[in-house]
PDB file of N, CA and C in Angstrom:
ATOM      1  N   MET A   1     107.204  80.996 103.804  1.00  0.00           N
ATOM      2  CA  MET A   1     105.966  81.882 103.886  1.00  0.00           C
ATOM      3  C   MET A   1     105.153  81.720 102.542  1.00  0.00           C
ATOM      4  N   ALA A   2     104.060  81.401 102.542  1.00  0.00           N
ATOM      5  CA  ALA A   2     103.079  81.364 101.505  1.00  0.00           C
ATOM      6  C   ALA A   2     103.004  82.625 100.674  1.00  0.00           C
ATOM      7  N   ARG A   3     102.631  82.486  99.457  1.00  0.00           N
ATOM      8  CA  ARG A   3     102.497  83.829  98.700  1.00  0.00           C
ATOM      9  C   ARG A   3     101.203  84.445  99.147  1.00  0.00           C
ATOM     10  N   ILE A   4     101.318  85.744  99.134  1.00  0.00           N
ATOM     11  CA  ILE A   4     100.083  86.498  99.558  1.00  0.00           C
ATOM     12  C   ILE A   4      99.421  87.248  98.395  1.00  0.00           C
ATOM     13  N   TYR A   5      98.158  87.060  98.279  1.00  0.00           N
ATOM     14  CA  TYR A   5      97.433  87.615  97.254  1.00  0.00           C
ATOM     15  C   TYR A   5      96.111  88.442  97.925  1.00  0.00           C
ATOM     16  N   GLY A   6      95.649  89.390  97.215  1.00  0.00           N
ATOM     17  CA  GLY A   6      94.475  90.067  97.613  1.00  0.00           C
ATOM     18  C   GLY A   6      93.800  90.577  96.456  1.00  0.00           C
ATOM     19  N   TYR A   7      92.882  91.512  96.834  1.00  0.00           N
ATOM     20  CA  TYR A   7      91.955  92.120  95.938  1.00  0.00           C
ATOM     21  C   TYR A   7      91.907  93.628  96.229  1.00  0.00           C
ATOM     22  N   THR A   8      91.874  94.407  95.168  1.00  0.00           N
ATOM     23  CA  THR A   8      91.705  95.785  95.352  1.00  0.00           C
ATOM     24  C   THR A   8      90.281  96.096  95.692  1.00  0.00           C
ATOM     25  N   ARG A   9      89.788  97.249  96.028  1.00  0.00           N
ATOM     26  CA  ARG A   9      88.477  97.498  96.441  1.00  0.00           C
ATOM     27  C   ARG A   9      87.568  97.295  95.214  1.00  0.00           C
ATOM     28  N   GLY A  10      87.991  97.566  93.998  1.00  0.00           N
ATOM     29  CA  GLY A  10      87.324  97.326  92.694  1.00  0.00           C
ATOM     30  C   GLY A  10      87.198  95.791  92.297  1.00  0.00           C
ATOM     31  N   GLY A  11      87.902  94.964  93.024  1.00  0.00           N
ATOM     32  CA  GLY A  11      87.816  93.439  92.899  1.00  0.00           C
ATOM     33  C   GLY A  11      88.994  92.963  92.052  1.00  0.00           C
ATOM     34  N   ASP A  12      89.802  93.788  91.537  1.00  0.00           N
ATOM     35  CA  ASP A  12      91.059  93.401  90.844  1.00  0.00           C
ATOM     36  C   ASP A  12      91.999  92.659  91.645  1.00  0.00           C
ATOM     37  N   PRO A  13      92.547  91.467  91.110  1.00  0.00           N
ATOM     38  CA  PRO A  13      93.708  90.790  91.953  1.00  0.00           C
ATOM     39  C   PRO A  13      94.786  91.749  92.198  1.00  0.00           C
ATOM     40  N   TRP A  14      95.487  91.575  93.369  1.00  0.00           N
ATOM     41  CA  TRP A  14      96.719  92.308  93.586  1.00  0.00           C
ATOM     42  C   TRP A  14      97.642  91.465  94.551  1.00  0.00           C
ATOM     43  N   THR A  15      98.969  91.469  94.186  1.00  0.00           N
ATOM     44  CA  THR A  15      99.911  90.923  95.044  1.00  0.00           C
ATOM     45  C   THR A  15     100.869  92.003  95.606  1.00  0.00           C
ATOM     46  N   PRO A  16     100.910  92.110  96.825  1.00  0.00           N
ATOM     47  CA  PRO A  16     101.855  93.052  97.635  1.00  0.00           C
ATOM     48  C   PRO A  16     103.369  92.785  97.274  1.00  0.00           C
ATOM     49  N   LYS A  17     104.065  93.833  97.146  1.00  0.00           N
ATOM     50  CA  LYS A  17     105.556  93.598  96.999  1.00  0.00           C
ATOM     51  C   LYS A  17     106.228  94.463  98.084  1.00  0.00           C
ATOM     52  N   PHE A  18     107.005  93.762  98.965  1.00  0.00           N
ATOM     53  CA  PHE A  18     107.531  94.200 100.116  1.00  0.00           C
ATOM     54  C   PHE A  18     108.910  94.858  99.845  1.00  0.00           C
ATOM     55  N   ILE A  19     109.294  96.003 100.585  1.00  0.00           N
ATOM     56  CA  ILE A  19     110.560  96.578 100.281  1.00  0.00           C
ATOM     57  C   ILE A  19     111.641  95.820 100.767  1.00  0.00           C
ATOM     58  N   GLN A  20     112.713  95.495  99.913  1.00  0.00           N
ATOM     59  CA  GLN A  20     113.905  94.689 100.149  1.00  0.00           C
ATOM     60  C   GLN A  20     115.024  95.585 100.578  1.00  0.00           C
ATOM     61  N   SER A  21     115.101  96.749  99.701  1.00  0.00           N
ATOM     62  CA  SER A  21     116.426  97.486  99.835  1.00  0.00           C
ATOM     63  C   SER A  21     116.289  98.839  99.039  1.00  0.00           C
ATOM     64  N   ILE A  22     117.082  99.755  99.372  1.00  0.00           N
ATOM     65  CA  ILE A  22     117.188 101.148  98.888  1.00  0.00           C
ATOM     66  C   ILE A  22     118.573 101.236  98.179  1.00  0.00           C
ATOM     67  N   ASP A  23     118.710 101.628  97.063  1.00  0.00           N
ATOM     68  CA  ASP A  23     120.039 101.994  96.418  1.00  0.00           C
ATOM     69  C   ASP A  23     120.491 103.199  96.840  1.00  0.00           C
ATOM     70  N   MET A  24     121.421 103.156  97.809  1.00  0.00           N
ATOM     71  CA  MET A  24     121.834 104.397  98.496  1.00  0.00           C
ATOM     72  C   MET A  24     122.746 105.287  97.599  1.00  0.00           C
ATOM     73  N   GLU A  25     123.222 104.737  96.375  1.00  0.00           N
ATOM     74  CA  GLU A  25     124.007 105.541  95.567  1.00  0.00           C
ATOM     75  C   GLU A  25     123.034 106.327  94.597  1.00  0.00           C
ATOM     76  N   LYS A  26     121.796 105.912  94.523  1.00  0.00           N
ATOM     77  CA  LYS A  26     120.844 106.736  93.730  1.00  0.00           C
ATOM     78  C   LYS A  26     120.069 107.600  94.596  1.00  0.00           C
ATOM     79  N   CYS A  27     119.793 107.369  95.803  1.00  0.00           N
ATOM     80  CA  CYS A  27     119.030 108.046  96.759  1.00  0.00           C
ATOM     81  C   CYS A  27     119.644 109.457  97.006  1.00  0.00           C
ATOM     82  N   ILE A  28     118.807 110.480  96.855  1.00  0.00           N
ATOM     83  CA  ILE A  28     119.198 111.861  97.012  1.00  0.00           C
ATOM     84  C   ILE A  28     118.738 112.440  98.490  1.00  0.00           C
ATOM     85  N   GLY A  29     118.142 111.635  99.258  1.00  0.00           N
ATOM     86  CA  GLY A  29     117.776 111.945 100.616  1.00  0.00           C
ATOM     87  C   GLY A  29     116.647 112.977 100.628  1.00  0.00           C
ATOM     88  N   CYS A  30     115.747 113.119  99.629  1.00  0.00           N
ATOM     89  CA  CYS A  30     114.741 114.109  99.595  1.00  0.00           C
ATOM     90  C   CYS A  30     113.590 113.933 100.664  1.00  0.00           C
ATOM     91  N   GLY A  31     113.517 112.702 101.161  1.00  0.00           N
ATOM     92  CA  GLY A  31     112.555 112.414 102.138  1.00  0.00           C
ATOM     93  C   GLY A  31     111.132 112.107 101.684  1.00  0.00           C
ATOM     94  N   ARG A  32     110.869 112.122 100.483  1.00  0.00           N
ATOM     95  CA  ARG A  32     109.471 111.823 100.026  1.00  0.00           C
ATOM     96  C   ARG A  32     109.012 110.456 100.405  1.00  0.00           C
ATOM     97  N   CYS A  33     109.813 109.463 100.261  1.00  0.00           N
ATOM     98  CA  CYS A  33     109.354 108.170 100.521  1.00  0.00           C
ATOM     99  C   CYS A  33     109.088 108.057 102.236  1.00  0.00           C
ATOM    100  N   TYR A  34     109.928 108.636 102.934  1.00  0.00           N
ATOM    101  CA  TYR A  34     109.846 108.711 104.336  1.00  0.00           C
ATOM    102  C   TYR A  34     108.628 109.370 104.833  1.00  0.00           C
ATOM    103  N   LYS A  35     108.166 110.541 104.205  1.00  0.00           N
ATOM    104  CA  LYS A  35     106.883 111.240 104.526  1.00  0.00           C
ATOM    105  C   LYS A  35     105.712 110.435 104.076  1.00  0.00           C
ATOM    106  N   ILE A  36     105.753 109.663 103.086  1.00  0.00           N
ATOM    107  CA  ILE A  36     104.580 109.069 102.505  1.00  0.00           C
ATOM    108  C   ILE A  36     104.280 107.769 103.290  1.00  0.00           C
ATOM    109  N   CYS A  37     105.269 107.070 103.839  1.00  0.00           N
ATOM    110  CA  CYS A  37     105.167 105.835 104.549  1.00  0.00           C
ATOM    111  C   CYS A  37     104.634 106.077 105.982  1.00  0.00           C
ATOM    112  N   GLY A  38     103.498 105.611 106.198  1.00  0.00           N
ATOM    113  CA  GLY A  38     102.762 105.751 107.650  1.00  0.00           C
ATOM    114  C   GLY A  38     103.083 104.539 108.395  1.00  0.00           C
ATOM    115  N   ARG A  39     104.004 103.659 108.053  1.00  0.00           N
ATOM    116  CA  ARG A  39     104.262 102.477 108.666  1.00  0.00           C
ATOM    117  C   ARG A  39     105.694 102.350 109.461  1.00  0.00           C
ATOM    118  N   ASP A  40     106.358 103.511 109.488  1.00  0.00           N
ATOM    119  CA  ASP A  40     107.628 103.598 110.119  1.00  0.00           C
ATOM    120  C   ASP A  40     108.625 102.524 109.549  1.00  0.00           C
ATOM    121  N   VAL A  41     108.577 102.367 108.211  1.00  0.00           N
ATOM    122  CA  VAL A  41     109.398 101.358 107.701  1.00  0.00           C
ATOM    123  C   VAL A  41     110.888 102.001 107.270  1.00  0.00           C
ATOM    124  N   LEU A  42     110.863 103.270 106.904  1.00  0.00           N
ATOM    125  CA  LEU A  42     112.089 103.918 106.474  1.00  0.00           C
ATOM    126  C   LEU A  42     112.614 104.936 107.469  1.00  0.00           C
ATOM    127  N   MET A  43     113.918 104.999 107.420  1.00  0.00           N
ATOM    128  CA  MET A  43     114.554 106.047 108.258  1.00  0.00           C
ATOM    129  C   MET A  43     115.731 106.778 107.588  1.00  0.00           C
ATOM    130  N   PRO A  44     115.909 107.944 107.797  1.00  0.00           N
ATOM    131  CA  PRO A  44     117.004 108.715 107.215  1.00  0.00           C
ATOM    132  C   PRO A  44     118.267 108.433 108.028  1.00  0.00           C
ATOM    133  N   ILE A  45     119.400 108.223 107.336  1.00  0.00           N
ATOM    134  CA  ILE A  45     120.573 107.904 108.030  1.00  0.00           C
ATOM    135  C   ILE A  45     121.692 108.719 107.435  1.00  0.00           C
ATOM    136  N   GLU A  46     122.815 108.932 108.068  1.00  0.00           N
ATOM    137  CA  GLU A  46     123.879 109.636 107.444  1.00  0.00           C
ATOM    138  C   GLU A  46     124.411 108.916 106.264  1.00  0.00           C
ATOM    139  N   LYS A  47     124.789 109.685 105.237  1.00  0.00           N
ATOM    140  CA  LYS A  47     125.234 109.123 103.920  1.00  0.00           C
ATOM    141  C   LYS A  47     126.612 108.469 104.128  1.00  0.00           C
ATOM    142  N   PRO A  48     126.640 107.035 103.709  1.00  0.00           N
ATOM    143  CA  PRO A  48     127.867 106.367 103.941  1.00  0.00           C
ATOM    144  C   PRO A  48     128.908 106.654 102.808  1.00  0.00           C
ATOM    145  N   PHE A  49     128.679 107.755 102.001  1.00  0.00           N
ATOM    146  CA  PHE A  49     129.598 108.053 100.926  1.00  0.00           C
ATOM    147  C   PHE A  49     129.397 109.544 100.730  1.00  0.00           C
ATOM    148  N   GLU A  50     130.442 110.112 100.024  1.00  0.00           N
ATOM    149  CA  GLU A  50     130.491 111.533  99.759  1.00  0.00           C
ATOM    150  C   GLU A  50     130.477 111.734  98.170  1.00  0.00           C
ATOM    151  N   GLY A  51     130.140 112.847  97.710  1.00  0.00           N
ATOM    152  CA  GLY A  51     130.286 113.106  96.245  1.00  0.00           C
ATOM    153  C   GLY A  51     129.360 114.134  95.875  1.00  0.00           C
ATOM    154  N   GLU A  52     129.364 114.330  94.556  1.00  0.00           N
ATOM    155  CA  GLU A  52     128.376 115.452  93.844  1.00  0.00           C
ATOM    156  C   GLU A  52     127.616 114.676  92.759  1.00  0.00           C
ATOM    157  N   ASP A  53     126.452 115.167  92.508  1.00  0.00           N
ATOM    158  CA  ASP A  53     125.618 114.797  91.466  1.00  0.00           C
ATOM    159  C   ASP A  53     126.157 115.260  90.050  1.00  0.00           C
ATOM    160  N   GLU A  54     125.488 114.952  88.944  1.00  0.00           N
ATOM    161  CA  GLU A  54     125.942 115.142  87.721  1.00  0.00           C
ATOM    162  C   GLU A  54     126.024 116.777  87.423  1.00  0.00           C
ATOM    163  N   TYR A  55     125.528 117.633  88.181  1.00  0.00           N
ATOM    164  CA  TYR A  55     125.522 119.008  88.129  1.00  0.00           C
ATOM    165  C   TYR A  55     126.493 119.632  89.017  1.00  0.00           C
ATOM    166  N   GLY A  56     127.265 118.912  89.719  1.00  0.00           N
ATOM    167  CA  GLY A  56     128.189 119.444  90.615  1.00  0.00           C
ATOM    168  C   GLY A  56     127.762 119.869  91.931  1.00  0.00           C
ATOM    169  N   ASP A  57     126.508 119.473  92.208  1.00  0.00           N
ATOM    170  CA  ASP A  57     125.824 119.930  93.614  1.00  0.00           C
ATOM    171  C   ASP A  57     126.111 118.955  94.636  1.00  0.00           C
ATOM    172  N   ASP A  58     126.358 119.380  95.705  1.00  0.00           N
ATOM    173  CA  ASP A  58     126.585 118.444  96.785  1.00  0.00           C
ATOM    174  C   ASP A  58     125.334 117.451  97.081  1.00  0.00           C
ATOM    175  N   LEU A  59     125.520 116.309  97.294  1.00  0.00           N
ATOM    176  CA  LEU A  59     124.311 115.341  97.467  1.00  0.00           C
ATOM    177  C   LEU A  59     123.731 115.250  98.769  1.00  0.00           C
ATOM    178  N   GLY A  60     124.071 116.255  99.666  1.00  0.00           N
ATOM    179  CA  GLY A  60     123.536 116.303 101.022  1.00  0.00           C
ATOM    180  C   GLY A  60     124.124 115.334 101.894  1.00  0.00           C
ATOM    181  N   ASN A  61     123.612 115.144 103.051  1.00  0.00           N
ATOM    182  CA  ASN A  61     124.184 114.377 104.075  1.00  0.00           C
ATOM    183  C   ASN A  61     123.317 113.277 104.639  1.00  0.00           C
ATOM    184  N   LYS A  62     122.125 113.019 104.037  1.00  0.00           N
ATOM    185  CA  LYS A  62     121.258 111.990 104.465  1.00  0.00           C
ATOM    186  C   LYS A  62     120.678 111.182 103.228  1.00  0.00           C
ATOM    187  N   VAL A  63     120.504 109.862 103.534  1.00  0.00           N
ATOM    188  CA  VAL A  63     119.814 108.982 102.543  1.00  0.00           C
ATOM    189  C   VAL A  63     118.910 108.222 103.386  1.00  0.00           C
ATOM    190  N   MET A  64     117.955 107.462 102.637  1.00  0.00           N
ATOM    191  CA  MET A  64     116.977 106.696 103.334  1.00  0.00           C
ATOM    192  C   MET A  64     117.558 105.291 103.593  1.00  0.00           C
ATOM    193  N   SER A  65     117.137 104.631 104.577  1.00  0.00           N
ATOM    194  CA  SER A  65     117.458 103.220 104.744  1.00  0.00           C
ATOM    195  C   SER A  65     116.134 102.430 105.199  1.00  0.00           C
ATOM    196  N   VAL A  66     116.250 101.086 105.080  1.00  0.00           N
ATOM    197  CA  VAL A  66     115.069 100.326 105.390  1.00  0.00           C
ATOM    198  C   VAL A  66     115.391  99.885 106.958  1.00  0.00           C
ATOM    199  N   ALA A  67     114.673 100.713 107.792  1.00  0.00           N
ATOM    200  CA  ALA A  67     114.880 100.494 109.221  1.00  0.00           C
ATOM    201  C   ALA A  67     114.009  99.360 109.894  1.00  0.00           C
ATOM    202  N   ASN A  68     112.844  99.299 109.406  1.00  0.00           N
ATOM    203  CA  ASN A  68     111.852  98.305 109.968  1.00  0.00           C
ATOM    204  C   ASN A  68     111.080  97.620 108.771  1.00  0.00           C
ATOM    205  N   PRO A  69     111.746  96.557 108.174  1.00  0.00           N
ATOM    206  CA  PRO A  69     111.183  95.903 106.924  1.00  0.00           C
ATOM    207  C   PRO A  69     109.886  95.054 107.307  1.00  0.00           C
ATOM    208  N   GLY A  70     109.925  94.812 108.599  1.00  0.00           N
ATOM    209  CA  GLY A  70     108.678  93.861 109.072  1.00  0.00           C
ATOM    210  C   GLY A  70     107.317  94.661 109.063  1.00  0.00           C
ATOM    211  N   ASN A  71     107.548  96.059 109.086  1.00  0.00           N
ATOM    212  CA  ASN A  71     106.365  96.929 109.197  1.00  0.00           C
ATOM    213  C   ASN A  71     105.790  97.119 107.727  1.00  0.00           C
ATOM    214  N   CYS A  72     106.502  96.732 106.731  1.00  0.00           N
ATOM    215  CA  CYS A  72     105.967  97.065 105.257  1.00  0.00           C
ATOM    216  C   CYS A  72     104.730  96.340 104.945  1.00  0.00           C
ATOM    217  N   ILE A  73     103.825  96.913 104.376  1.00  0.00           N
ATOM    218  CA  ILE A  73     102.511  96.161 103.900  1.00  0.00           C
ATOM    219  C   ILE A  73     102.439  96.013 102.511  1.00  0.00           C
ATOM    220  N   GLY A  74     103.600  96.307 101.701  1.00  0.00           N
ATOM    221  CA  GLY A  74     103.627  95.949 100.252  1.00  0.00           C
ATOM    222  C   GLY A  74     102.898  96.931  99.418  1.00  0.00           C
ATOM    223  N   CYS A  75     102.550  98.095  99.827  1.00  0.00           N
ATOM    224  CA  CYS A  75     101.728  99.117  99.036  1.00  0.00           C
ATOM    225  C   CYS A  75     102.586  99.757  97.819  1.00  0.00           C
ATOM    226  N   GLU A  76     103.908  99.773  98.134  1.00  0.00           N
ATOM    227  CA  GLU A  76     104.765 100.390  97.100  1.00  0.00           C
ATOM    228  C   GLU A  76     104.754 101.828  96.938  1.00  0.00           C
ATOM    229  N   ALA A  77     104.076 102.564  97.883  1.00  0.00           N
ATOM    230  CA  ALA A  77     103.866 104.026  97.841  1.00  0.00           C
ATOM    231  C   ALA A  77     105.209 104.775  97.783  1.00  0.00           C
ATOM    232  N   CYS A  78     106.118 104.175  98.580  1.00  0.00           N
ATOM    233  CA  CYS A  78     107.580 104.829  98.620  1.00  0.00           C
ATOM    234  C   CYS A  78     108.244 104.844  97.132  1.00  0.00           C
ATOM    235  N   ALA A  79     108.102 103.660  96.520  1.00  0.00           N
ATOM    236  CA  ALA A  79     108.627 103.447  95.199  1.00  0.00           C
ATOM    237  C   ALA A  79     107.858 104.463  94.089  1.00  0.00           C
ATOM    238  N   ARG A  80     106.738 104.593  94.181  1.00  0.00           N
ATOM    239  CA  ARG A  80     105.906 105.367  93.348  1.00  0.00           C
ATOM    240  C   ARG A  80     106.243 106.943  93.435  1.00  0.00           C
ATOM    241  N   ILE A  81     106.545 107.315  94.618  1.00  0.00           N
ATOM    242  CA  ILE A  81     106.837 108.795  94.857  1.00  0.00           C
ATOM    243  C   ILE A  81     108.241 109.198  94.551  1.00  0.00           C
ATOM    244  N   CYS A  82     109.207 108.100  94.535  1.00  0.00           N
ATOM    245  CA  CYS A  82     110.594 108.262  94.581  1.00  0.00           C
ATOM    246  C   CYS A  82     111.004 108.789  93.096  1.00  0.00           C
ATOM    247  N   PRO A  83     111.665 110.096  93.159  1.00  0.00           N
ATOM    248  CA  PRO A  83     112.113 110.596  91.815  1.00  0.00           C
ATOM    249  C   PRO A  83     113.206 109.729  91.191  1.00  0.00           C
ATOM    250  N   LYS A  84     113.990 109.144  91.944  1.00  0.00           N
ATOM    251  CA  LYS A  84     115.306 108.423  91.360  1.00  0.00           C
ATOM    252  C   LYS A  84     115.002 106.950  91.291  1.00  0.00           C
ATOM    253  N   LYS A  85     113.839 106.409  91.625  1.00  0.00           N
ATOM    254  CA  LYS A  85     113.409 104.992  91.582  1.00  0.00           C
ATOM    255  C   LYS A  85     114.345 104.140  92.118  1.00  0.00           C
ATOM    256  N   CYS A  86     114.842 104.329  93.414  1.00  0.00           N
ATOM    257  CA  CYS A  86     115.865 103.569  94.056  1.00  0.00           C
ATOM    258  C   CYS A  86     115.333 102.503  95.015  1.00  0.00           C
ATOM    259  N   HIS A  87     114.134 102.217  94.961  1.00  0.00           N
ATOM    260  CA  HIS A  87     113.577 101.275  95.944  1.00  0.00           C
ATOM    261  C   HIS A  87     113.364  99.899  95.275  1.00  0.00           C
ATOM    262  N   LEU A  88     113.672  98.822  95.878  1.00  0.00           N
ATOM    263  CA  LEU A  88     113.552  97.539  95.334  1.00  0.00           C
ATOM    264  C   LEU A  88     112.548  96.773  96.124  1.00  0.00           C
ATOM    265  N   HIS A  89     111.491  96.330  95.558  1.00  0.00           N
ATOM    266  CA  HIS A  89     110.401  95.560  96.192  1.00  0.00           C
ATOM    267  C   HIS A  89     110.351  94.245  95.641  1.00  0.00           C
ATOM    268  N   VAL A  90     109.923  93.113  96.348  1.00  0.00           N
ATOM    269  CA  VAL A  90     109.770  91.815  96.006  1.00  0.00           C
ATOM    270  C   VAL A  90     108.593  91.251  96.685  1.00  0.00           C
ATOM    271  N   GLU A  91     108.027  90.197  96.007  1.00  0.00           N
ATOM    272  CA  GLU A  91     106.837  89.442  96.505  1.00  0.00           C
ATOM    273  C   GLU A  91     107.404  88.517  97.630  1.00  0.00           C
ATOM    274  N   ALA A  92     106.421  88.277  98.618  1.00  0.00           N
ATOM    275  CA  ALA A  92     106.844  87.356  99.658  1.00  0.00           C
ATOM    276  C   ALA A  92     107.111  86.040  99.076  1.00  0.00           C
ATOM    277  N   ALA A  93     108.205  85.428  99.397  1.00  0.00           N
ATOM    278  CA  ALA A  93     108.395  84.003  98.819  1.00  0.00           C
ATOM    279  C   ALA A  93     107.838  82.970  99.718  1.00  0.00           C
TER     280      ALA A  93
END
C-alpha cells in the first residue's frame, strides 16, 4: 500500500495513523474511545485477565479491542481521549 498523505482544512500537511492495537493491560474499559469513534472500529470485550489497579480497586470486567481495523480512518481521536494512552497507531506502509 502506498503512503497516504492529506491536508487539513487549513492547508497543513497531515498523515493519518491507523489503529494497530490496544494494550489490554493498560486499558481500564472506560469506553471513552468506543464512544468517540463513529466508525465502529472498537468493541468492548470481556477482560482476558483479572486483577486490581494500584489503588486496590477492581479493574472491571471489560476492555476495548480492535474489532474492525479496516474501518479506521486514521484520525487518532480514540488515542487523544484515552486517559491511559493504551492505543498504538501506525502510518500505512
